[in-house]
Amino acid sequence: MNAATTTAAAPVATTRRVGIALAASGAILFSAKAILAKLQYRYGVDSLQVLTLRMAFSLPLFALLGIRETRRARARQALPSRRDWGLIVILGVLGYYLSSLLDFWGLEYVPVSLERLILFLNPTIVLLIGLFAFKRKVAAKEWIALAVSYAGVVLVMVENLRVQGDHVLFGSALVLGAAVSYALYLAMSGELVKRLGSLQLVAYAMIVSTAAVMIHYLIARPPSALLGLPWQVYAWAAANAVFCTFLPVTFTMAAVARLGAGTAAQFSVIGPVSLVFLGAWVLGEPITAIQLIGTAVVLGGVVILSRPGANSVPITATPTAPK
């Protein structure tokens, strides 16, 4: 290799290393929101309070992102149409209101490692939506990947039932509902992502979902119930908003720009693995051999399904935002 080739390859290698670091960091930060929610629950707050504070703290960041993306969209004449706005409202309610509400509620009953594994089934749920809603064909390899993934989740769930009790079933059902809601978001958002771009869609959808969360809270609780909470609750909420909501979006999009959507998406497998050990380290959740085996089985199934050419259902290529 001559000097000119070496010089040209160096920036490419650096770009790839930075992209890998961003993708891995985004996957871990996305997952860590469950850890911060669990820490808030220790101070007597519930899932609705945790979700409302998270959305309230993240709203200014996504509003600024929305302003920037609107200016860029206006310059390239890619602003949403009236029909697009209607779909954005539906997506915001499905993807970041209903899904987040069910997810945080489920976290009151299940360990973070199981929660992330269930959410990681999103590609398989999108595949099933395509099968039943759009009559798309499912290849034999995809059926095998589905069976492997769900067998792994059942294995981990049974182990958690043994260790923690029957409430795990209720919590798992809630988190599965969150996964289905987010899968519907993914299945419906493909065309909008192509027209508007991921960041513009995320910004608008997060603003819509924040409004939905606030309306829900005002109907269910007096606003004063969010005041006078322990300072740790607000600190963890702010950290959740910045480090586990907003930053992972920007990290993931930057990784996609450097690595491509397919390669960046593969790093999402780090999330469930990291939570097994983060949950044990930060929260004291037990780790058993069966949990580790089940986690590996789920990851294996989803990786098989996510390999290029494996999907008969188009899954949104660009990860858009956390739940």
C-alpha atoms as a PDB file:
ATOM      1  CA  MET A   1       0.000   0.000   0.000  1.00  0.00           C
ATOM      2  CA  ASN A   2       1.525   3.333  -1.021  1.00  0.00           C
ATOM      3  CA  ALA A   3       1.567   6.513   1.088  1.00  0.00           C
ATOM      4  CA  ALA A   4      -1.332   8.127  -0.802  1.00  0.00           C
ATOM      5  CA  THR A   5      -3.591   5.113  -0.230  1.00  0.00           C
ATOM      6  CA  THR A   6      -2.666   4.992   3.457  1.00  0.00           C
ATOM      7  CA  THR A   7      -3.412   8.708   3.829  1.00  0.00           C
ATOM      8  CA  ALA A   8      -6.798   8.317   2.129  1.00  0.00           C
ATOM      9  CA  ALA A   9      -7.726   5.277   4.242  1.00  0.00           C
ATOM     10  CA  ALA A  10      -6.957   6.974   7.567  1.00  0.00           C
ATOM     11  CA  PRO A  11      -9.982   9.351   7.593  1.00  0.00           C
ATOM     12  CA  VAL A  12     -12.256   6.468   6.544  1.00  0.00           C
ATOM     13  CA  ALA A  13     -11.026   4.304   9.420  1.00  0.00           C
ATOM     14  CA  THR A  14     -11.430   7.201  11.859  1.00  0.00           C
ATOM     15  CA  THR A  15     -14.953   7.873  10.609  1.00  0.00           C
ATOM     16  CA  ARG A  16     -15.841   4.205  11.091  1.00  0.00           C
ATOM     17  CA  ARG A  17     -14.408   4.116  14.626  1.00  0.00           C
ATOM     18  CA  VAL A  18     -16.343   7.250  15.575  1.00  0.00           C
ATOM     19  CA  GLY A  19     -19.506   5.778  14.034  1.00  0.00           C
ATOM     20  CA  ILE A  20     -19.103   2.541  15.986  1.00  0.00           C
ATOM     21  CA  ALA A  21     -18.567   4.469  19.227  1.00  0.00           C
ATOM     22  CA  LEU A  22     -21.662   6.591  18.578  1.00  0.00           C
ATOM     23  CA  ALA A  23     -23.842   3.580  17.670  1.00  0.00           C
ATOM     24  CA  ALA A  24     -22.743   1.618  20.741  1.00  0.00           C
ATOM     25  CA  SER A  25     -23.199   4.615  23.035  1.00  0.00           C
ATOM     26  CA  GLY A  26     -26.647   5.311  21.608  1.00  0.00           C
ATOM     27  CA  ALA A  27     -27.752   1.701  22.163  1.00  0.00           C
ATOM     28  CA  ILE A  28     -26.576   1.692  25.788  1.00  0.00           C
ATOM     29  CA  LEU A  29     -28.097   5.102  26.556  1.00  0.00           C
ATOM     30  CA  PHE A  30     -31.424   4.125  24.960  1.00  0.00           C
ATOM     31  CA  SER A  31     -31.559   1.109  27.253  1.00  0.00           C
ATOM     32  CA  ALA A  32     -30.391   2.903  30.389  1.00  0.00           C
ATOM     33  CA  LYS A  33     -33.650   4.879  30.635  1.00  0.00           C
ATOM     34  CA  ALA A  34     -35.113   1.824  32.371  1.00  0.00           C
ATOM     35  CA  ILE A  35     -32.378   2.040  35.034  1.00  0.00           C
ATOM     36  CA  LEU A  36     -33.152   5.714  35.715  1.00  0.00           C
ATOM     37  CA  ALA A  37     -36.889   5.020  35.908  1.00  0.00           C
ATOM     38  CA  LYS A  38     -36.270   2.284  38.477  1.00  0.00           C
ATOM     39  CA  LEU A  39     -34.156   4.700  40.529  1.00  0.00           C
ATOM     40  CA  GLN A  40     -37.020   7.221  40.496  1.00  0.00           C
ATOM     41  CA  TYR A  41     -39.517   4.572  41.659  1.00  0.00           C
ATOM     42  CA  ARG A  42     -37.503   4.224  44.867  1.00  0.00           C
ATOM     43  CA  TYR A  43     -38.761   7.684  45.906  1.00  0.00           C
ATOM     44  CA  GLY A  44     -42.444   6.763  45.786  1.00  0.00           C
ATOM     45  CA  VAL A  45     -43.380   8.149  42.370  1.00  0.00           C
ATOM     46  CA  ASP A  46     -45.313   6.123  39.796  1.00  0.00           C
ATOM     47  CA  SER A  47     -44.987   5.524  36.061  1.00  0.00           C
ATOM     48  CA  LEU A  48     -47.203   8.467  35.025  1.00  0.00           C
ATOM     49  CA  GLN A  49     -45.157  10.923  37.086  1.00  0.00           C
ATOM     50  CA  VAL A  50     -41.889   9.494  35.746  1.00  0.00           C
ATOM     51  CA  LEU A  51     -43.096   9.701  32.148  1.00  0.00           C
ATOM     52  CA  THR A  52     -44.506  13.224  32.528  1.00  0.00           C
ATOM     53  CA  LEU A  53     -41.275  14.562  34.019  1.00  0.00           C
ATOM     54  CA  ARG A  54     -39.194  12.850  31.338  1.00  0.00           C
ATOM     55  CA  MET A  55     -41.275  14.388  28.549  1.00  0.00           C
ATOM     56  CA  ALA A  56     -41.368  17.823  30.197  1.00  0.00           C
ATOM     57  CA  PHE A  57     -37.582  17.956  30.522  1.00  0.00           C
ATOM     58  CA  SER A  58     -36.975  16.694  26.978  1.00  0.00           C
ATOM     59  CA  LEU A  59     -39.544  18.991  25.317  1.00  0.00           C
ATOM     60  CA  PRO A  60     -37.262  22.092  25.008  1.00  0.00           C
ATOM     61  CA  LEU A  61     -34.550  19.984  23.364  1.00  0.00           C
ATOM     62  CA  PHE A  62     -36.892  18.460  20.806  1.00  0.00           C
ATOM     63  CA  ALA A  63     -38.557  21.839  20.217  1.00  0.00           C
ATOM     64  CA  LEU A  64     -35.165  23.329  19.316  1.00  0.00           C
ATOM     65  CA  LEU A  65     -34.467  20.328  17.094  1.00  0.00           C
ATOM     66  CA  GLY A  66     -37.867  20.799  15.459  1.00  0.00           C
ATOM     67  CA  ILE A  67     -37.144  24.489  14.744  1.00  0.00           C
ATOM     68  CA  ARG A  68     -33.814  23.606  13.150  1.00  0.00           C
ATOM     69  CA  GLU A  69     -35.272  20.788  11.056  1.00  0.00           C
ATOM     70  CA  THR A  70     -38.212  22.975   9.981  1.00  0.00           C
ATOM     71  CA  ARG A  71     -35.803  25.603   8.658  1.00  0.00           C
ATOM     72  CA  ARG A  72     -33.879  22.952   6.753  1.00  0.00           C
ATOM     73  CA  ALA A  73     -37.097  21.419   5.422  1.00  0.00           C
ATOM     74  CA  ARG A  74     -38.337  24.826   4.260  1.00  0.00           C
ATOM     75  CA  ALA A  75     -35.063  25.357   2.395  1.00  0.00           C
ATOM     76  CA  ARG A  76     -35.453  22.056   0.530  1.00  0.00           C
ATOM     77  CA  GLN A  77     -39.262  22.393   0.257  1.00  0.00           C
ATOM     78  CA  ALA A  78     -39.950  19.286   2.327  1.00  0.00           C
ATOM     79  CA  LEU A  79     -42.416  20.578   4.923  1.00  0.00           C
ATOM     80  CA  PRO A  80     -45.201  18.192   6.025  1.00  0.00           C
ATOM     81  CA  SER A  81     -48.516  18.338   4.201  1.00  0.00           C
ATOM     82  CA  ARG A  82     -51.861  18.427   6.005  1.00  0.00           C
ATOM     83  CA  ARG A  83     -52.134  14.655   5.566  1.00  0.00           C
ATOM     84  CA  ASP A  84     -48.595  14.246   6.914  1.00  0.00           C
ATOM     85  CA  TRP A  85     -49.529  16.189  10.049  1.00  0.00           C
ATOM     86  CA  GLY A  86     -52.454  13.866  10.670  1.00  0.00           C
ATOM     87  CA  LEU A  87     -50.151  10.866  10.415  1.00  0.00           C
ATOM     88  CA  ILE A  88     -47.562  12.560  12.655  1.00  0.00           C
ATOM     89  CA  VAL A  89     -50.210  12.957  15.362  1.00  0.00           C
ATOM     90  CA  ILE A  90     -51.106   9.259  15.109  1.00  0.00           C
ATOM     91  CA  LEU A  91     -47.430   8.252  15.182  1.00  0.00           C
ATOM     92  CA  GLY A  92     -46.681  10.506  18.139  1.00  0.00           C
ATOM     93  CA  VAL A  93     -49.530   8.980  20.126  1.00  0.00           C
ATOM     94  CA  LEU A  94     -48.559   5.410  19.194  1.00  0.00           C
ATOM     95  CA  GLY A  95     -44.787   5.613  19.303  1.00  0.00           C
ATOM     96  CA  TYR A  96     -43.953   7.914  22.187  1.00  0.00           C
ATOM     97  CA  TYR A  97     -47.105   8.318  24.266  1.00  0.00           C
ATOM     98  CA  LEU A  98     -48.845   4.935  24.414  1.00  0.00           C
ATOM     99  CA  SER A  99     -45.667   2.907  24.028  1.00  0.00           C
ATOM    100  CA  SER A 100     -43.792   4.901  26.663  1.00  0.00           C
ATOM    101  CA  LEU A 101     -46.748   4.845  29.050  1.00  0.00           C
ATOM    102  CA  LEU A 102     -47.063   1.055  28.880  1.00  0.00           C
ATOM    103  CA  ASP A 103     -43.294   0.634  29.079  1.00  0.00           C
ATOM    104  CA  PHE A 104     -42.840   2.737  32.225  1.00  0.00           C
ATOM    105  CA  TRP A 105     -45.883   1.109  33.816  1.00  0.00           C
ATOM    106  CA  GLY A 106     -44.461  -2.325  33.055  1.00  0.00           C
ATOM    107  CA  LEU A 107     -41.145  -1.331  34.628  1.00  0.00           C
ATOM    108  CA  GLU A 108     -42.925  -1.151  37.977  1.00  0.00           C
ATOM    109  CA  TYR A 109     -43.261  -4.958  37.801  1.00  0.00           C
ATOM    110  CA  VAL A 110     -40.399  -6.419  35.744  1.00  0.00           C
ATOM    111  CA  PRO A 111     -36.592  -6.195  35.911  1.00  0.00           C
ATOM    112  CA  VAL A 112     -34.872  -3.962  33.387  1.00  0.00           C
ATOM    113  CA  SER A 113     -33.186  -6.898  31.630  1.00  0.00           C
ATOM    114  CA  LEU A 114     -36.536  -8.533  30.803  1.00  0.00           C
ATOM    115  CA  GLU A 115     -38.084  -5.198  29.762  1.00  0.00           C
ATOM    116  CA  ARG A 116     -35.355  -4.553  27.220  1.00  0.00           C
ATOM    117  CA  LEU A 117     -35.531  -8.092  25.832  1.00  0.00           C
ATOM    118  CA  ILE A 118     -39.273  -7.771  25.212  1.00  0.00           C
ATOM    119  CA  LEU A 119     -38.817  -4.385  23.537  1.00  0.00           C
ATOM    120  CA  PHE A 120     -36.040  -5.900  21.441  1.00  0.00           C
ATOM    121  CA  LEU A 121     -38.694  -8.081  19.783  1.00  0.00           C
ATOM    122  CA  ASN A 122     -39.787  -5.054  17.716  1.00  0.00           C
ATOM    123  CA  PRO A 123     -38.450  -6.412  14.388  1.00  0.00           C
ATOM    124  CA  THR A 124     -40.326  -9.681  14.899  1.00  0.00           C
ATOM    125  CA  ILE A 125     -43.551  -7.815  15.728  1.00  0.00           C
ATOM    126  CA  VAL A 126     -43.158  -5.654  12.611  1.00  0.00           C
ATOM    127  CA  LEU A 127     -42.769  -8.887  10.645  1.00  0.00           C
ATOM    128  CA  LEU A 128     -46.009 -10.259  12.128  1.00  0.00           C
ATOM    129  CA  ILE A 129     -47.824  -6.984  11.388  1.00  0.00           C
ATOM    130  CA  GLY A 130     -46.757  -7.354   7.769  1.00  0.00           C
ATOM    131  CA  LEU A 131     -47.995 -10.938   7.727  1.00  0.00           C
ATOM    132  CA  PHE A 132     -51.456 -10.288   9.161  1.00  0.00           C
ATOM    133  CA  ALA A 133     -52.143  -6.711   8.033  1.00  0.00           C
ATOM    134  CA  PHE A 134     -50.477  -6.664   4.617  1.00  0.00           C
ATOM    135  CA  LYS A 135     -50.507 -10.397   3.734  1.00  0.00           C
ATOM    136  CA  ARG A 136     -46.756 -10.436   3.140  1.00  0.00           C
ATOM    137  CA  LYS A 137     -45.025 -13.780   2.822  1.00  0.00           C
ATOM    138  CA  VAL A 138     -42.743 -14.990   5.622  1.00  0.00           C
ATOM    139  CA  ALA A 139     -39.769 -17.172   4.679  1.00  0.00           C
ATOM    140  CA  ALA A 140     -38.815 -20.329   6.574  1.00  0.00           C
ATOM    141  CA  LYS A 141     -35.713 -18.629   7.998  1.00  0.00           C
ATOM    142  CA  GLU A 142     -37.903 -15.838   9.373  1.00  0.00           C
ATOM    143  CA  TRP A 143     -40.235 -18.315  11.105  1.00  0.00           C
ATOM    144  CA  ILE A 144     -37.181 -19.917  12.698  1.00  0.00           C
ATOM    145  CA  ALA A 145     -35.925 -16.499  13.860  1.00  0.00           C
ATOM    146  CA  LEU A 146     -39.355 -15.715  15.323  1.00  0.00           C
ATOM    147  CA  ALA A 147     -39.493 -19.033  17.183  1.00  0.00           C
ATOM    148  CA  VAL A 148     -35.962 -18.605  18.534  1.00  0.00           C
ATOM    149  CA  SER A 149     -36.595 -15.019  19.699  1.00  0.00           C
ATOM    150  CA  TYR A 150     -39.836 -15.759  21.519  1.00  0.00           C
ATOM    151  CA  ALA A 151     -38.440 -18.957  23.051  1.00  0.00           C
ATOM    152  CA  GLY A 152     -35.644 -16.864  24.553  1.00  0.00           C
ATOM    153  CA  VAL A 153     -38.090 -14.351  26.026  1.00  0.00           C
ATOM    154  CA  VAL A 154     -40.231 -17.142  27.499  1.00  0.00           C
ATOM    155  CA  LEU A 155     -37.121 -18.697  29.030  1.00  0.00           C
ATOM    156  CA  VAL A 156     -36.125 -15.420  30.710  1.00  0.00           C
ATOM    157  CA  MET A 157     -39.729 -14.735  31.785  1.00  0.00           C
ATOM    158  CA  VAL A 158     -40.098 -18.161  33.424  1.00  0.00           C
ATOM    159  CA  GLU A 159     -36.828 -17.623  35.272  1.00  0.00           C
ATOM    160  CA  ASN A 160     -37.999 -14.199  36.487  1.00  0.00           C
ATOM    161  CA  LEU A 161     -41.305 -15.727  37.608  1.00  0.00           C
ATOM    162  CA  ARG A 162     -39.327 -18.201  39.690  1.00  0.00           C
ATOM    163  CA  VAL A 163     -37.098 -15.517  41.186  1.00  0.00           C
ATOM    164  CA  GLN A 164     -39.501 -12.560  41.559  1.00  0.00           C
ATOM    165  CA  GLY A 165     -43.118 -13.771  41.510  1.00  0.00           C
ATOM    166  CA  ASP A 166     -46.347 -13.627  39.502  1.00  0.00           C
ATOM    167  CA  HIS A 167     -46.346  -9.835  39.041  1.00  0.00           C
ATOM    168  CA  VAL A 168     -43.764 -10.411  36.283  1.00  0.00           C
ATOM    169  CA  LEU A 169     -46.551 -11.705  34.014  1.00  0.00           C
ATOM    170  CA  PHE A 170     -48.580  -8.491  34.308  1.00  0.00           C
ATOM    171  CA  GLY A 171     -45.525  -6.313  33.797  1.00  0.00           C
ATOM    172  CA  SER A 172     -44.411  -8.380  30.804  1.00  0.00           C
ATOM    173  CA  ALA A 173     -47.856  -7.982  29.216  1.00  0.00           C
ATOM    174  CA  LEU A 174     -47.605  -4.202  29.612  1.00  0.00           C
ATOM    175  CA  VAL A 175     -44.117  -4.078  28.074  1.00  0.00           C
ATOM    176  CA  LEU A 176     -45.253  -6.335  25.226  1.00  0.00           C
ATOM    177  CA  GLY A 177     -48.080  -3.854  24.606  1.00  0.00           C
ATOM    178  CA  ALA A 178     -45.439  -1.112  24.470  1.00  0.00           C
ATOM    179  CA  ALA A 179     -43.452  -3.149  21.935  1.00  0.00           C
ATOM    180  CA  VAL A 180     -46.544  -3.686  19.764  1.00  0.00           C
ATOM    181  CA  SER A 181     -47.382   0.021  19.884  1.00  0.00           C
ATOM    182  CA  TYR A 182     -43.853   0.967  18.841  1.00  0.00           C
ATOM    183  CA  ALA A 183     -43.833  -1.694  16.116  1.00  0.00           C
ATOM    184  CA  LEU A 184     -46.992  -0.092  14.680  1.00  0.00           C
ATOM    185  CA  TYR A 185     -45.126   3.219  14.738  1.00  0.00           C
ATOM    186  CA  LEU A 186     -42.240   1.658  12.803  1.00  0.00           C
ATOM    187  CA  ALA A 187     -44.534  -0.038  10.297  1.00  0.00           C
ATOM    188  CA  MET A 188     -46.441   3.186   9.608  1.00  0.00           C
ATOM    189  CA  SER A 189     -43.541   5.656   9.600  1.00  0.00           C
ATOM    190  CA  GLY A 190     -41.515   4.387   6.632  1.00  0.00           C
ATOM    191  CA  GLU A 191     -42.894   6.749   3.992  1.00  0.00           C
ATOM    192  CA  LEU A 192     -42.764   9.772   6.278  1.00  0.00           C
ATOM    193  CA  VAL A 193     -39.125   9.050   7.146  1.00  0.00           C
ATOM    194  CA  LYS A 194     -38.314   9.043   3.422  1.00  0.00           C
ATOM    195  CA  ARG A 195     -40.115  12.330   2.809  1.00  0.00           C
ATOM    196  CA  LEU A 196     -39.285  14.281   5.958  1.00  0.00           C
ATOM    197  CA  GLY A 197     -36.162  12.636   7.339  1.00  0.00           C
ATOM    198  CA  SER A 198     -35.763  10.886  10.680  1.00  0.00           C
ATOM    199  CA  LEU A 199     -34.861  13.915  12.802  1.00  0.00           C
ATOM    200  CA  GLN A 200     -37.745  16.049  11.565  1.00  0.00           C
ATOM    201  CA  LEU A 201     -40.215  13.230  12.189  1.00  0.00           C
ATOM    202  CA  VAL A 202     -38.775  12.488  15.637  1.00  0.00           C
ATOM    203  CA  ALA A 203     -38.930  16.127  16.703  1.00  0.00           C
ATOM    204  CA  TYR A 204     -42.552  16.546  15.639  1.00  0.00           C
ATOM    205  CA  ALA A 205     -43.660  13.172  17.021  1.00  0.00           C
ATOM    206  CA  MET A 206     -42.014  13.842  20.387  1.00  0.00           C
ATOM    207  CA  ILE A 207     -43.762  17.227  20.659  1.00  0.00           C
ATOM    208  CA  VAL A 208     -47.111  15.558  19.889  1.00  0.00           C
ATOM    209  CA  SER A 209     -46.471  12.807  22.430  1.00  0.00           C
ATOM    210  CA  THR A 210     -45.467  15.334  25.087  1.00  0.00           C
ATOM    211  CA  ALA A 211     -48.799  17.124  24.578  1.00  0.00           C
ATOM    212  CA  ALA A 212     -50.623  13.771  24.891  1.00  0.00           C
ATOM    213  CA  VAL A 213     -48.765  12.922  28.111  1.00  0.00           C
ATOM    214  CA  MET A 214     -49.513  16.340  29.605  1.00  0.00           C
ATOM    215  CA  ILE A 215     -53.222  16.075  28.756  1.00  0.00           C
ATOM    216  CA  HIS A 216     -53.319  12.585  30.277  1.00  0.00           C
ATOM    217  CA  TYR A 217     -51.632  13.825  33.429  1.00  0.00           C
ATOM    218  CA  LEU A 218     -53.925  16.845  33.826  1.00  0.00           C
ATOM    219  CA  ILE A 219     -56.992  14.587  33.468  1.00  0.00           C
ATOM    220  CA  ALA A 220     -55.692  12.016  35.955  1.00  0.00           C
ATOM    221  CA  ARG A 221     -53.857  14.149  38.531  1.00  0.00           C
ATOM    222  CA  PRO A 222     -53.643  17.691  39.866  1.00  0.00           C
ATOM    223  CA  PRO A 223     -50.568  19.576  38.567  1.00  0.00           C
ATOM    224  CA  SER A 224     -49.454  20.123  42.179  1.00  0.00           C
ATOM    225  CA  ALA A 225     -48.667  16.399  42.458  1.00  0.00           C
ATOM    226  CA  LEU A 226     -45.559  17.039  40.352  1.00  0.00           C
ATOM    227  CA  LEU A 227     -44.290  19.640  42.801  1.00  0.00           C
ATOM    228  CA  GLY A 228     -42.471  19.075  46.040  1.00  0.00           C
ATOM    229  CA  LEU A 229     -41.034  15.703  45.058  1.00  0.00           C
ATOM    230  CA  PRO A 230     -37.568  14.684  46.281  1.00  0.00           C
ATOM    231  CA  TRP A 231     -34.847  16.484  44.352  1.00  0.00           C
ATOM    232  CA  GLN A 232     -33.452  13.136  43.216  1.00  0.00           C
ATOM    233  CA  VAL A 233     -36.629  12.495  41.207  1.00  0.00           C
ATOM    234  CA  TYR A 234     -36.098  15.681  39.190  1.00  0.00           C
ATOM    235  CA  ALA A 235     -32.381  14.997  38.777  1.00  0.00           C
ATOM    236  CA  TRP A 236     -32.993  11.492  37.402  1.00  0.00           C
ATOM    237  CA  ALA A 237     -35.784  12.840  35.160  1.00  0.00           C
ATOM    238  CA  ALA A 238     -33.468  15.483  33.698  1.00  0.00           C
ATOM    239  CA  ALA A 239     -30.768  12.859  33.150  1.00  0.00           C
ATOM    240  CA  ASN A 240     -33.324  10.589  31.484  1.00  0.00           C
ATOM    241  CA  ALA A 241     -34.452  13.392  29.184  1.00  0.00           C
ATOM    242  CA  VAL A 242     -30.956  14.447  28.124  1.00  0.00           C
ATOM    243  CA  PHE A 243     -28.835  11.300  28.256  1.00  0.00           C
ATOM    244  CA  CYS A 244     -31.403   8.562  27.546  1.00  0.00           C
ATOM    245  CA  THR A 245     -33.839  10.385  25.268  1.00  0.00           C
ATOM    246  CA  PHE A 246     -32.306  13.262  23.320  1.00  0.00           C
ATOM    247  CA  LEU A 247     -28.624  12.331  23.047  1.00  0.00           C
ATOM    248  CA  PRO A 248     -29.242   8.752  21.829  1.00  0.00           C
ATOM    249  CA  VAL A 249     -31.299  10.161  18.946  1.00  0.00           C
ATOM    250  CA  THR A 250     -28.454  12.418  17.808  1.00  0.00           C
ATOM    251  CA  PHE A 251     -25.816   9.724  18.431  1.00  0.00           C
ATOM    252  CA  THR A 252     -27.755   7.150  16.408  1.00  0.00           C
ATOM    253  CA  MET A 253     -28.372   9.522  13.503  1.00  0.00           C
ATOM    254  CA  ALA A 254     -24.668  10.495  13.471  1.00  0.00           C
ATOM    255  CA  ALA A 255     -23.745   6.798  13.481  1.00  0.00           C
ATOM    256  CA  VAL A 256     -26.087   6.131  10.555  1.00  0.00           C
ATOM    257  CA  ALA A 257     -24.415   8.946   8.611  1.00  0.00           C
ATOM    258  CA  ARG A 258     -20.988   7.349   9.177  1.00  0.00           C
ATOM    259  CA  LEU A 259     -21.796   3.633   8.985  1.00  0.00           C
ATOM    260  CA  GLY A 260     -25.055   3.326   7.075  1.00  0.00           C
ATOM    261  CA  ALA A 261     -28.411   2.345   8.562  1.00  0.00           C
ATOM    262  CA  GLY A 262     -27.875  -1.421   8.387  1.00  0.00           C
ATOM    263  CA  THR A 263     -24.524  -1.463  10.175  1.00  0.00           C
ATOM    264  CA  ALA A 264     -25.631   1.072  12.787  1.00  0.00           C
ATOM    265  CA  ALA A 265     -28.770  -0.937  13.546  1.00  0.00           C
ATOM    266  CA  GLN A 266     -26.711  -4.043  14.326  1.00  0.00           C
ATOM    267  CA  PHE A 267     -25.286  -2.298  17.400  1.00  0.00           C
ATOM    268  CA  SER A 268     -28.740  -2.248  19.002  1.00  0.00           C
ATOM    269  CA  VAL A 269     -27.942  -5.751  20.324  1.00  0.00           C
ATOM    270  CA  ILE A 270     -25.642  -4.085  22.853  1.00  0.00           C
ATOM    271  CA  GLY A 271     -28.669  -2.606  24.658  1.00  0.00           C
ATOM    272  CA  PRO A 272     -30.199  -5.789  26.120  1.00  0.00           C
ATOM    273  CA  VAL A 273     -26.789  -7.212  26.996  1.00  0.00           C
ATOM    274  CA  SER A 274     -25.706  -4.023  28.748  1.00  0.00           C
ATOM    275  CA  LEU A 275     -28.909  -3.929  30.816  1.00  0.00           C
ATOM    276  CA  VAL A 276     -28.337  -7.410  32.225  1.00  0.00           C
ATOM    277  CA  PHE A 277     -25.135  -6.185  33.835  1.00  0.00           C
ATOM    278  CA  LEU A 278     -26.203  -2.574  34.514  1.00  0.00           C
ATOM    279  CA  GLY A 279     -29.317  -3.854  36.293  1.00  0.00           C
ATOM    280  CA  ALA A 280     -27.180  -6.072  38.506  1.00  0.00           C
ATOM    281  CA  TRP A 281     -24.611  -3.369  39.182  1.00  0.00           C
ATOM    282  CA  VAL A 282     -26.870  -0.349  39.778  1.00  0.00           C
ATOM    283  CA  LEU A 283     -30.125  -1.941  40.990  1.00  0.00           C
ATOM    284  CA  GLY A 284     -28.913  -5.214  42.482  1.00  0.00           C
ATOM    285  CA  GLU A 285     -31.081  -7.318  40.145  1.00  0.00           C
ATOM    286  CA  PRO A 286     -30.009 -10.978  40.107  1.00  0.00           C
ATOM    287  CA  ILE A 287     -28.239 -12.553  37.139  1.00  0.00           C
ATOM    288  CA  THR A 288     -28.747 -16.274  36.576  1.00  0.00           C
ATOM    289  CA  ALA A 289     -27.348 -18.643  33.968  1.00  0.00           C
ATOM    290  CA  ILE A 290     -30.823 -19.138  32.470  1.00  0.00           C
ATOM    291  CA  GLN A 291     -31.260 -15.381  32.039  1.00  0.00           C
ATOM    292  CA  LEU A 292     -27.949 -15.159  30.203  1.00  0.00           C
ATOM    293  CA  ILE A 293     -28.856 -18.101  27.959  1.00  0.00           C
ATOM    294  CA  GLY A 294     -32.303 -16.644  27.218  1.00  0.00           C
ATOM    295  CA  THR A 295     -30.776 -13.246  26.408  1.00  0.00           C
ATOM    296  CA  ALA A 296     -28.319 -14.869  23.994  1.00  0.00           C
ATOM    297  CA  VAL A 297     -31.156 -16.819  22.338  1.00  0.00           C
ATOM    298  CA  VAL A 298     -33.273 -13.676  21.806  1.00  0.00           C
ATOM    299  CA  LEU A 299     -30.337 -11.737  20.413  1.00  0.00           C
ATOM    300  CA  GLY A 300     -29.516 -14.598  18.077  1.00  0.00           C
ATOM    301  CA  GLY A 301     -33.054 -14.712  16.705  1.00  0.00           C
ATOM    302  CA  VAL A 302     -33.263 -10.970  16.120  1.00  0.00           C
ATOM    303  CA  VAL A 303     -29.814 -10.859  14.509  1.00  0.00           C
ATOM    304  CA  ILE A 304     -30.896 -13.608  12.081  1.00  0.00           C
ATOM    305  CA  LEU A 305     -34.030 -11.622  11.246  1.00  0.00           C
ATOM    306  CA  SER A 306     -32.124  -8.355  10.857  1.00  0.00           C
ATOM    307  CA  ARG A 307     -29.454  -9.617   8.476  1.00  0.00           C
ATOM    308  CA  PRO A 308     -29.538  -8.039   5.001  1.00  0.00           C
ATOM    309  CA  GLY A 309     -31.948  -9.877   2.742  1.00  0.00           C
ATOM    310  CA  ALA A 310     -33.623 -11.704   5.630  1.00  0.00           C
ATOM    311  CA  ASN A 311     -36.682  -9.499   5.974  1.00  0.00           C
ATOM    312  CA  SER A 312     -39.789  -9.784   3.874  1.00  0.00           C
ATOM    313  CA  VAL A 313     -41.274  -6.864   5.789  1.00  0.00           C
ATOM    314  CA  PRO A 314     -39.575  -3.491   5.393  1.00  0.00           C
ATOM    315  CA  ILE A 315     -38.459  -2.417   8.844  1.00  0.00           C
ATOM    316  CA  THR A 316     -37.628   1.268   9.211  1.00  0.00           C
ATOM    317  CA  ALA A 317     -33.958   1.323   8.317  1.00  0.00           C
ATOM    318  CA  THR A 318     -33.107   4.324  10.416  1.00  0.00           C
ATOM    319  CA  PRO A 319     -33.696   4.040  14.157  1.00  0.00           C
ATOM    320  CA  THR A 320     -35.694   7.115  15.027  1.00  0.00           C
ATOM    321  CA  ALA A 321     -35.998   7.550  18.782  1.00  0.00           C
ATOM    322  CA  PRO A 322     -36.270   5.771  22.068  1.00  0.00           C
ATOM    323  CA  LYS A 323     -39.465   4.679  23.592  1.00  0.00           C
END
